[in-house]
């Protein structure tokens, strides 16, 4: 019986670089790496300076505020203070949502 390979559930940055380099002609893998690194750095800088990064058809990245709150230590049950913090939020665009929710045939 033939062995069936499981589909990989994770796509890494290296995988993305290889896929983009393979789909774009006349662009080296090194150039694709620089472009992707630059795009990601630009998004990170925008979010860290409290700006939104909107990619039409993909989604919006933005900074979110978390208020200080009380929590519980799961091991002891003792109340602990959780300080306010910032996090990163992502809201998928309409096209992206439709792709994810499309029924597979």
C-alpha atoms as a PDB file:
ATOM      1  CA  UNK A   1       0.000   0.000   0.000  1.00  0.00           C
ATOM      2  CA  UNK A   2       1.341   3.416  -0.922  1.00  0.00           C
ATOM      3  CA  UNK A   3       2.244   5.733   1.904  1.00  0.00           C
ATOM      4  CA  UNK A   4       0.135   8.893   2.050  1.00  0.00           C
ATOM      5  CA  UNK A   5       1.927  12.069   3.096  1.00  0.00           C
ATOM      6  CA  UNK A   6       0.105  14.351   5.479  1.00  0.00           C
ATOM      7  CA  UNK A   7      -0.468  17.879   4.226  1.00  0.00           C
ATOM      8  CA  UNK A   8       1.721  20.403   5.988  1.00  0.00           C
ATOM      9  CA  UNK A   9      -0.409  22.548   8.333  1.00  0.00           C
ATOM     10  CA  UNK A  10       2.139  25.371   8.633  1.00  0.00           C
ATOM     11  CA  UNK A  11       3.634  27.589   5.975  1.00  0.00           C
ATOM     12  CA  UNK A  12       6.849  29.294   7.020  1.00  0.00           C
ATOM     13  CA  UNK A  13       8.433  32.500   5.807  1.00  0.00           C
ATOM     14  CA  UNK A  14      10.923  30.391   3.828  1.00  0.00           C
ATOM     15  CA  UNK A  15       8.007  28.543   2.186  1.00  0.00           C
ATOM     16  CA  UNK A  16       6.406  31.859   1.213  1.00  0.00           C
ATOM     17  CA  UNK A  17       9.696  33.106  -0.254  1.00  0.00           C
ATOM     18  CA  UNK A  18      10.103  29.904  -2.283  1.00  0.00           C
ATOM     19  CA  UNK A  19       6.509  30.035  -3.568  1.00  0.00           C
ATOM     20  CA  UNK A  20       6.753  33.702  -4.571  1.00  0.00           C
ATOM     21  CA  UNK A  21      10.171  33.214  -6.200  1.00  0.00           C
ATOM     22  CA  UNK A  22       8.754  30.249  -8.134  1.00  0.00           C
ATOM     23  CA  UNK A  23       5.722  32.154  -9.373  1.00  0.00           C
ATOM     24  CA  UNK A  24       7.504  35.347 -10.457  1.00  0.00           C
ATOM     25  CA  UNK A  25       9.833  35.070 -13.440  1.00  0.00           C
ATOM     26  CA  UNK A  26      13.164  36.889 -13.663  1.00  0.00           C
ATOM     27  CA  UNK A  27      13.309  37.682  -9.920  1.00  0.00           C
ATOM     28  CA  UNK A  28      15.898  35.970  -7.757  1.00  0.00           C
ATOM     29  CA  UNK A  29      15.124  34.309  -4.452  1.00  0.00           C
ATOM     30  CA  UNK A  30      17.425  36.838  -2.754  1.00  0.00           C
ATOM     31  CA  UNK A  31      15.413  39.726  -4.217  1.00  0.00           C
ATOM     32  CA  UNK A  32      12.132  38.168  -3.102  1.00  0.00           C
ATOM     33  CA  UNK A  33      13.576  37.739   0.400  1.00  0.00           C
ATOM     34  CA  UNK A  34      14.563  41.425   0.541  1.00  0.00           C
ATOM     35  CA  UNK A  35      11.135  42.513  -0.682  1.00  0.00           C
ATOM     36  CA  UNK A  36       9.221  40.361   1.798  1.00  0.00           C
ATOM     37  CA  UNK A  37      11.509  41.403   4.679  1.00  0.00           C
ATOM     38  CA  UNK A  38      11.037  45.059   3.741  1.00  0.00           C
ATOM     39  CA  UNK A  39       7.244  44.705   3.530  1.00  0.00           C
ATOM     40  CA  UNK A  40       7.063  42.987   6.925  1.00  0.00           C
ATOM     41  CA  UNK A  41       9.352  45.588   8.529  1.00  0.00           C
ATOM     42  CA  UNK A  42       7.182  48.385   7.121  1.00  0.00           C
ATOM     43  CA  UNK A  43       4.048  46.784   8.600  1.00  0.00           C
ATOM     44  CA  UNK A  44       5.775  46.292  11.988  1.00  0.00           C
ATOM     45  CA  UNK A  45       6.947  49.929  12.086  1.00  0.00           C
ATOM     46  CA  UNK A  46       3.467  51.194  11.191  1.00  0.00           C
ATOM     47  CA  UNK A  47       1.788  49.125  13.904  1.00  0.00           C
ATOM     48  CA  UNK A  48       4.367  50.052  16.549  1.00  0.00           C
ATOM     49  CA  UNK A  49       3.768  53.760  15.830  1.00  0.00           C
ATOM     50  CA  UNK A  50      -0.009  53.242  16.280  1.00  0.00           C
ATOM     51  CA  UNK A  51      -0.902  53.341  12.579  1.00  0.00           C
ATOM     52  CA  UNK A  52      -3.043  50.845  10.680  1.00  0.00           C
ATOM     53  CA  UNK A  53      -1.568  48.761   7.883  1.00  0.00           C
ATOM     54  CA  UNK A  54      -4.293  48.093   5.320  1.00  0.00           C
ATOM     55  CA  UNK A  55      -3.717  45.631   2.492  1.00  0.00           C
ATOM     56  CA  UNK A  56      -6.763  45.713   0.223  1.00  0.00           C
ATOM     57  CA  UNK A  57      -8.124  42.207  -0.407  1.00  0.00           C
ATOM     58  CA  UNK A  58      -6.072  40.771   2.469  1.00  0.00           C
ATOM     59  CA  UNK A  59      -6.837  42.627   5.688  1.00  0.00           C
ATOM     60  CA  UNK A  60      -5.965  45.263   8.251  1.00  0.00           C
ATOM     61  CA  UNK A  61      -3.332  45.098  10.987  1.00  0.00           C
ATOM     62  CA  UNK A  62      -3.674  47.488  13.906  1.00  0.00           C
ATOM     63  CA  UNK A  63      -2.584  48.036  17.466  1.00  0.00           C
ATOM     64  CA  UNK A  64      -5.070  47.168  20.213  1.00  0.00           C
ATOM     65  CA  UNK A  65      -5.125  48.229  23.846  1.00  0.00           C
ATOM     66  CA  UNK A  66      -5.701  45.776  26.676  1.00  0.00           C
ATOM     67  CA  UNK A  67      -6.855  47.274  29.953  1.00  0.00           C
ATOM     68  CA  UNK A  68      -5.326  46.271  33.281  1.00  0.00           C
ATOM     69  CA  UNK A  69      -7.359  43.529  34.923  1.00  0.00           C
ATOM     70  CA  UNK A  70      -7.406  40.932  37.650  1.00  0.00           C
ATOM     71  CA  UNK A  71      -6.632  37.351  36.788  1.00  0.00           C
ATOM     72  CA  UNK A  72      -5.981  34.117  38.649  1.00  0.00           C
ATOM     73  CA  UNK A  73      -2.865  32.027  38.938  1.00  0.00           C
ATOM     74  CA  UNK A  74      -4.093  28.656  37.599  1.00  0.00           C
ATOM     75  CA  UNK A  75      -1.824  26.693  39.953  1.00  0.00           C
ATOM     76  CA  UNK A  76      -2.703  28.447  43.206  1.00  0.00           C
ATOM     77  CA  UNK A  77      -5.992  30.183  42.409  1.00  0.00           C
ATOM     78  CA  UNK A  78      -4.561  33.388  43.895  1.00  0.00           C
ATOM     79  CA  UNK A  79      -5.656  36.689  42.313  1.00  0.00           C
ATOM     80  CA  UNK A  80      -2.964  38.523  40.365  1.00  0.00           C
ATOM     81  CA  UNK A  81      -2.882  41.931  38.734  1.00  0.00           C
ATOM     82  CA  UNK A  82      -2.369  41.816  34.982  1.00  0.00           C
ATOM     83  CA  UNK A  83      -0.994  45.159  33.753  1.00  0.00           C
ATOM     84  CA  UNK A  84      -2.329  47.039  30.727  1.00  0.00           C
ATOM     85  CA  UNK A  85      -0.620  46.106  27.489  1.00  0.00           C
ATOM     86  CA  UNK A  86      -0.785  46.501  23.742  1.00  0.00           C
ATOM     87  CA  UNK A  87      -1.387  43.732  21.246  1.00  0.00           C
ATOM     88  CA  UNK A  88      -1.676  43.391  17.498  1.00  0.00           C
ATOM     89  CA  UNK A  89      -5.015  42.741  15.861  1.00  0.00           C
ATOM     90  CA  UNK A  90      -5.787  41.484  12.389  1.00  0.00           C
ATOM     91  CA  UNK A  91      -9.110  41.842  10.624  1.00  0.00           C
ATOM     92  CA  UNK A  92      -9.331  39.896   7.375  1.00  0.00           C
ATOM     93  CA  UNK A  93     -10.582  41.653   4.253  1.00  0.00           C
ATOM     94  CA  UNK A  94     -13.754  40.641   2.448  1.00  0.00           C
ATOM     95  CA  UNK A  95     -11.966  38.655  -0.287  1.00  0.00           C
ATOM     96  CA  UNK A  96      -9.826  36.817   2.271  1.00  0.00           C
ATOM     97  CA  UNK A  97     -12.872  35.950   4.414  1.00  0.00           C
ATOM     98  CA  UNK A  98     -14.747  34.654   1.372  1.00  0.00           C
ATOM     99  CA  UNK A  99     -11.768  32.480   0.388  1.00  0.00           C
ATOM    100  CA  UNK A 100     -11.519  30.984   3.864  1.00  0.00           C
ATOM    101  CA  UNK A 101     -15.273  30.379   4.071  1.00  0.00           C
ATOM    102  CA  UNK A 102     -15.640  28.984   0.540  1.00  0.00           C
ATOM    103  CA  UNK A 103     -17.066  25.505   0.523  1.00  0.00           C
ATOM    104  CA  UNK A 104     -14.623  22.923  -0.757  1.00  0.00           C
ATOM    105  CA  UNK A 105     -15.853  20.715  -3.580  1.00  0.00           C
END
